[in-house]
Amino acid sequence: MAEELTTYDPAAALTDDEEIAFFMADAFETGDAAYIAKALGVVARAKGMSEIAEKTGLSREQLYRSFSERGNPTLKTTLAVMRALGVDLTTKPYHA
């Protein structure tokens, strides 16, 4: 008998600001720009793309395109979305 698999959407698990902050901190730890952008897109979906579009002044289509697998959001778009999500970008000394 074949096992039925279901699609997991990580956005469904991001239900509060603490979980979102932890999720984004983990993404930033990777240092991988594409992974960070994808994670930011997941968080935006969790909060609601329409709400993020309204807060940033960007269209839903632009947001979906920017944070898709093939997207490459500008720093301006990334910062606008982070602000709308209530996520802060901070720096700390890098120790190799």
N, C-alpha and C. Protein backbone atom coordinates (compact mmCIF):
# COMPACT_ATOMS: atom_id res chain seq x y z
N MET A 1 0.85 -1.18 0.00
CA MET A 1 0.00 0.00 0.00
C MET A 1 0.89 1.24 0.00
N ALA A 2 0.64 2.15 -0.91
CA ALA A 2 1.44 3.36 -1.04
C ALA A 2 1.13 4.33 0.10
N GLU A 3 2.19 4.91 0.60
CA GLU A 3 2.04 5.90 1.67
C GLU A 3 1.73 7.25 1.04
N GLU A 4 0.73 7.93 1.56
CA GLU A 4 0.36 9.23 1.04
C GLU A 4 1.13 10.32 1.79
N LEU A 5 1.78 11.18 1.03
CA LEU A 5 2.54 12.27 1.62
C LEU A 5 1.76 13.57 1.50
N THR A 6 1.90 14.41 2.48
CA THR A 6 1.26 15.72 2.43
C THR A 6 2.33 16.79 2.32
N THR A 7 1.98 17.89 1.74
CA THR A 7 2.91 19.00 1.59
C THR A 7 2.96 19.78 2.90
N TYR A 8 4.17 20.07 3.35
CA TYR A 8 4.35 20.84 4.58
C TYR A 8 4.64 22.28 4.22
N ASP A 9 3.92 23.19 4.81
CA ASP A 9 4.14 24.62 4.60
C ASP A 9 4.67 25.21 5.90
N PRO A 10 5.95 25.59 5.94
CA PRO A 10 6.51 26.14 7.19
C PRO A 10 5.82 27.42 7.64
N ALA A 11 5.17 28.14 6.73
CA ALA A 11 4.47 29.37 7.10
C ALA A 11 3.37 29.08 8.12
N ALA A 12 2.78 27.90 8.04
CA ALA A 12 1.69 27.54 8.96
C ALA A 12 2.17 27.41 10.41
N ALA A 13 3.46 27.13 10.59
CA ALA A 13 4.01 26.95 11.93
C ALA A 13 4.44 28.27 12.58
N LEU A 14 4.51 29.32 11.79
CA LEU A 14 4.97 30.62 12.30
C LEU A 14 3.77 31.42 12.79
N THR A 15 3.40 31.18 14.03
CA THR A 15 2.16 31.76 14.56
C THR A 15 2.36 32.95 15.48
N ASP A 16 3.60 33.21 15.91
CA ASP A 16 3.81 34.38 16.76
C ASP A 16 5.17 35.01 16.46
N ASP A 17 5.37 36.23 16.98
CA ASP A 17 6.57 36.99 16.69
C ASP A 17 7.84 36.30 17.17
N GLU A 18 7.78 35.59 18.27
CA GLU A 18 8.96 34.89 18.79
C GLU A 18 9.40 33.78 17.83
N GLU A 19 8.44 33.02 17.31
CA GLU A 19 8.76 31.96 16.35
C GLU A 19 9.33 32.55 15.07
N ILE A 20 8.77 33.67 14.64
CA ILE A 20 9.26 34.34 13.44
C ILE A 20 10.68 34.83 13.64
N ALA A 21 10.96 35.45 14.78
CA ALA A 21 12.30 35.95 15.07
C ALA A 21 13.31 34.80 15.09
N PHE A 22 12.95 33.69 15.71
CA PHE A 22 13.83 32.52 15.77
C PHE A 22 14.08 31.97 14.37
N PHE A 23 13.02 31.87 13.58
CA PHE A 23 13.11 31.36 12.20
C PHE A 23 14.05 32.23 11.37
N MET A 24 13.90 33.56 11.47
CA MET A 24 14.74 34.47 10.70
C MET A 24 16.18 34.48 11.20
N ALA A 25 16.37 34.40 12.52
CA ALA A 25 17.73 34.34 13.07
C ALA A 25 18.46 33.11 12.53
N ASP A 26 17.74 31.99 12.48
CA ASP A 26 18.31 30.76 11.94
C ASP A 26 18.69 30.94 10.47
N ALA A 27 17.83 31.60 9.71
CA ALA A 27 18.11 31.84 8.29
C ALA A 27 19.35 32.71 8.13
N PHE A 28 19.46 33.77 8.93
CA PHE A 28 20.62 34.65 8.83
C PHE A 28 21.91 33.95 9.23
N GLU A 29 21.82 33.00 10.14
CA GLU A 29 23.01 32.24 10.56
C GLU A 29 23.64 31.48 9.40
N THR A 30 22.84 31.12 8.39
CA THR A 30 23.38 30.36 7.26
C THR A 30 24.31 31.22 6.41
N GLY A 31 24.07 32.53 6.38
CA GLY A 31 24.87 33.41 5.53
C GLY A 31 24.55 33.26 4.05
N ASP A 32 23.52 32.52 3.73
CA ASP A 32 23.13 32.25 2.34
C ASP A 32 22.00 33.21 1.95
N ALA A 33 22.32 34.14 1.05
CA ALA A 33 21.35 35.18 0.67
C ALA A 33 20.07 34.60 0.09
N ALA A 34 20.18 33.57 -0.73
CA ALA A 34 18.98 32.96 -1.32
C ALA A 34 18.12 32.31 -0.25
N TYR A 35 18.75 31.66 0.71
CA TYR A 35 18.01 31.01 1.80
C TYR A 35 17.31 32.06 2.67
N ILE A 36 18.01 33.16 2.94
CA ILE A 36 17.44 34.24 3.75
C ILE A 36 16.22 34.84 3.04
N ALA A 37 16.35 35.08 1.74
CA ALA A 37 15.24 35.64 0.97
C ALA A 37 14.05 34.69 0.98
N LYS A 38 14.31 33.40 0.81
CA LYS A 38 13.23 32.42 0.82
C LYS A 38 12.56 32.39 2.19
N ALA A 39 13.35 32.43 3.26
CA ALA A 39 12.80 32.44 4.62
C ALA A 39 11.95 33.69 4.84
N LEU A 40 12.40 34.82 4.34
CA LEU A 40 11.63 36.05 4.47
C LEU A 40 10.31 35.94 3.73
N GLY A 41 10.32 35.29 2.59
CA GLY A 41 9.09 35.04 1.85
C GLY A 41 8.13 34.14 2.61
N VAL A 42 8.67 33.14 3.30
CA VAL A 42 7.85 32.24 4.12
C VAL A 42 7.18 33.04 5.23
N VAL A 43 7.95 33.91 5.88
CA VAL A 43 7.40 34.72 6.97
C VAL A 43 6.33 35.68 6.43
N ALA A 44 6.59 36.26 5.27
CA ALA A 44 5.61 37.17 4.67
C ALA A 44 4.30 36.43 4.38
N ARG A 45 4.40 35.18 3.89
CA ARG A 45 3.19 34.39 3.66
C ARG A 45 2.49 34.08 4.98
N ALA A 46 3.27 33.83 6.02
CA ALA A 46 2.68 33.53 7.33
C ALA A 46 1.88 34.72 7.85
N LYS A 47 2.39 35.91 7.62
CA LYS A 47 1.71 37.12 8.09
C LYS A 47 0.58 37.54 7.15
N GLY A 48 0.69 37.13 5.89
CA GLY A 48 -0.31 37.49 4.89
C GLY A 48 0.28 38.46 3.87
N MET A 49 0.40 38.01 2.64
CA MET A 49 1.01 38.84 1.60
C MET A 49 0.23 40.13 1.36
N SER A 50 -1.08 40.08 1.47
CA SER A 50 -1.87 41.30 1.25
C SER A 50 -1.54 42.35 2.29
N GLU A 51 -1.40 41.92 3.54
CA GLU A 51 -1.06 42.85 4.63
C GLU A 51 0.34 43.43 4.42
N ILE A 52 1.29 42.58 4.03
CA ILE A 52 2.66 43.04 3.80
C ILE A 52 2.69 43.99 2.60
N ALA A 53 1.95 43.67 1.56
CA ALA A 53 1.89 44.54 0.39
C ALA A 53 1.36 45.92 0.77
N GLU A 54 0.32 45.94 1.57
CA GLU A 54 -0.26 47.22 2.00
C GLU A 54 0.74 48.02 2.83
N LYS A 55 1.43 47.36 3.75
CA LYS A 55 2.38 48.06 4.63
C LYS A 55 3.61 48.57 3.88
N THR A 56 4.01 47.86 2.83
CA THR A 56 5.23 48.23 2.11
C THR A 56 4.97 49.10 0.89
N GLY A 57 3.72 49.10 0.41
CA GLY A 57 3.43 49.82 -0.82
C GLY A 57 3.83 49.04 -2.07
N LEU A 58 4.18 47.78 -1.90
CA LEU A 58 4.53 46.91 -3.02
C LEU A 58 3.33 46.04 -3.37
N SER A 59 3.28 45.58 -4.60
CA SER A 59 2.16 44.71 -4.98
C SER A 59 2.41 43.29 -4.48
N ARG A 60 1.32 42.54 -4.30
CA ARG A 60 1.44 41.14 -3.90
C ARG A 60 2.27 40.37 -4.94
N GLU A 61 2.03 40.66 -6.21
CA GLU A 61 2.75 39.98 -7.28
C GLU A 61 4.24 40.24 -7.18
N GLN A 62 4.61 41.50 -6.90
CA GLN A 62 6.02 41.84 -6.76
C GLN A 62 6.64 41.10 -5.58
N LEU A 63 5.90 41.01 -4.49
CA LEU A 63 6.42 40.30 -3.32
C LEU A 63 6.60 38.81 -3.61
N TYR A 64 5.59 38.19 -4.20
CA TYR A 64 5.70 36.77 -4.54
C TYR A 64 6.88 36.53 -5.48
N ARG A 65 7.03 37.40 -6.47
CA ARG A 65 8.12 37.26 -7.45
C ARG A 65 9.48 37.46 -6.77
N SER A 66 9.58 38.47 -5.92
CA SER A 66 10.85 38.78 -5.26
C SER A 66 11.32 37.66 -4.35
N PHE A 67 10.38 37.01 -3.67
CA PHE A 67 10.75 36.01 -2.67
C PHE A 67 10.49 34.58 -3.13
N SER A 68 10.36 34.40 -4.45
CA SER A 68 10.18 33.05 -5.00
C SER A 68 11.55 32.36 -5.10
N GLU A 69 11.55 31.10 -5.52
CA GLU A 69 12.79 30.33 -5.71
C GLU A 69 13.77 31.09 -6.59
N ARG A 70 13.25 31.72 -7.63
CA ARG A 70 14.10 32.39 -8.60
C ARG A 70 14.20 33.89 -8.35
N GLY A 71 13.58 34.36 -7.30
CA GLY A 71 13.57 35.78 -7.01
C GLY A 71 14.92 36.29 -6.53
N ASN A 72 15.10 37.58 -6.63
CA ASN A 72 16.32 38.22 -6.17
C ASN A 72 15.92 39.61 -5.66
N PRO A 73 15.33 39.67 -4.46
CA PRO A 73 14.82 40.95 -3.97
C PRO A 73 15.95 41.96 -3.75
N THR A 74 15.63 43.21 -4.02
CA THR A 74 16.60 44.27 -3.76
C THR A 74 16.71 44.47 -2.25
N LEU A 75 17.76 45.13 -1.84
CA LEU A 75 17.92 45.44 -0.42
C LEU A 75 16.77 46.33 0.05
N LYS A 76 16.35 47.26 -0.81
CA LYS A 76 15.23 48.14 -0.47
C LYS A 76 13.96 47.34 -0.19
N THR A 77 13.66 46.37 -1.05
CA THR A 77 12.48 45.51 -0.85
C THR A 77 12.62 44.67 0.40
N THR A 78 13.80 44.09 0.59
CA THR A 78 14.06 43.26 1.77
C THR A 78 13.86 44.05 3.05
N LEU A 79 14.43 45.24 3.12
CA LEU A 79 14.30 46.06 4.33
C LEU A 79 12.85 46.50 4.56
N ALA A 80 12.14 46.83 3.48
CA ALA A 80 10.73 47.23 3.62
C ALA A 80 9.90 46.09 4.18
N VAL A 81 10.13 44.88 3.68
CA VAL A 81 9.39 43.72 4.16
C VAL A 81 9.76 43.41 5.60
N MET A 82 11.04 43.49 5.93
CA MET A 82 11.45 43.23 7.31
C MET A 82 10.79 44.22 8.26
N ARG A 83 10.75 45.49 7.87
CA ARG A 83 10.10 46.50 8.70
C ARG A 83 8.62 46.18 8.87
N ALA A 84 7.97 45.80 7.79
CA ALA A 84 6.54 45.47 7.84
C ALA A 84 6.28 44.25 8.72
N LEU A 85 7.24 43.34 8.76
CA LEU A 85 7.09 42.13 9.58
C LEU A 85 7.47 42.37 11.04
N GLY A 86 8.08 43.52 11.31
CA GLY A 86 8.53 43.78 12.67
C GLY A 86 9.81 43.05 13.01
N VAL A 87 10.58 42.70 11.97
CA VAL A 87 11.85 42.00 12.16
C VAL A 87 12.97 43.00 11.95
N ASP A 88 13.94 42.99 12.83
CA ASP A 88 15.04 43.94 12.80
C ASP A 88 16.28 43.29 12.21
N LEU A 89 17.04 44.06 11.48
CA LEU A 89 18.32 43.61 10.96
C LEU A 89 19.39 44.27 11.81
N THR A 90 20.13 43.47 12.55
CA THR A 90 21.18 44.01 13.41
C THR A 90 22.52 43.41 13.01
N THR A 91 23.56 44.04 13.48
CA THR A 91 24.90 43.54 13.19
C THR A 91 25.62 43.20 14.48
N LYS A 92 26.60 42.33 14.34
CA LYS A 92 27.46 41.98 15.45
C LYS A 92 28.82 41.63 14.86
N PRO A 93 29.87 41.72 15.65
CA PRO A 93 31.19 41.38 15.11
C PRO A 93 31.23 39.93 14.62
N TYR A 94 31.88 39.74 13.51
CA TYR A 94 32.01 38.40 12.94
C TYR A 94 33.34 37.81 13.40
N HIS A 95 33.29 36.65 13.99
CA HIS A 95 34.50 35.97 14.45
C HIS A 95 34.61 34.66 13.69
N ALA A 96 35.64 34.58 12.85
CA ALA A 96 35.84 33.37 12.03
C ALA A 96 36.31 32.19 12.85
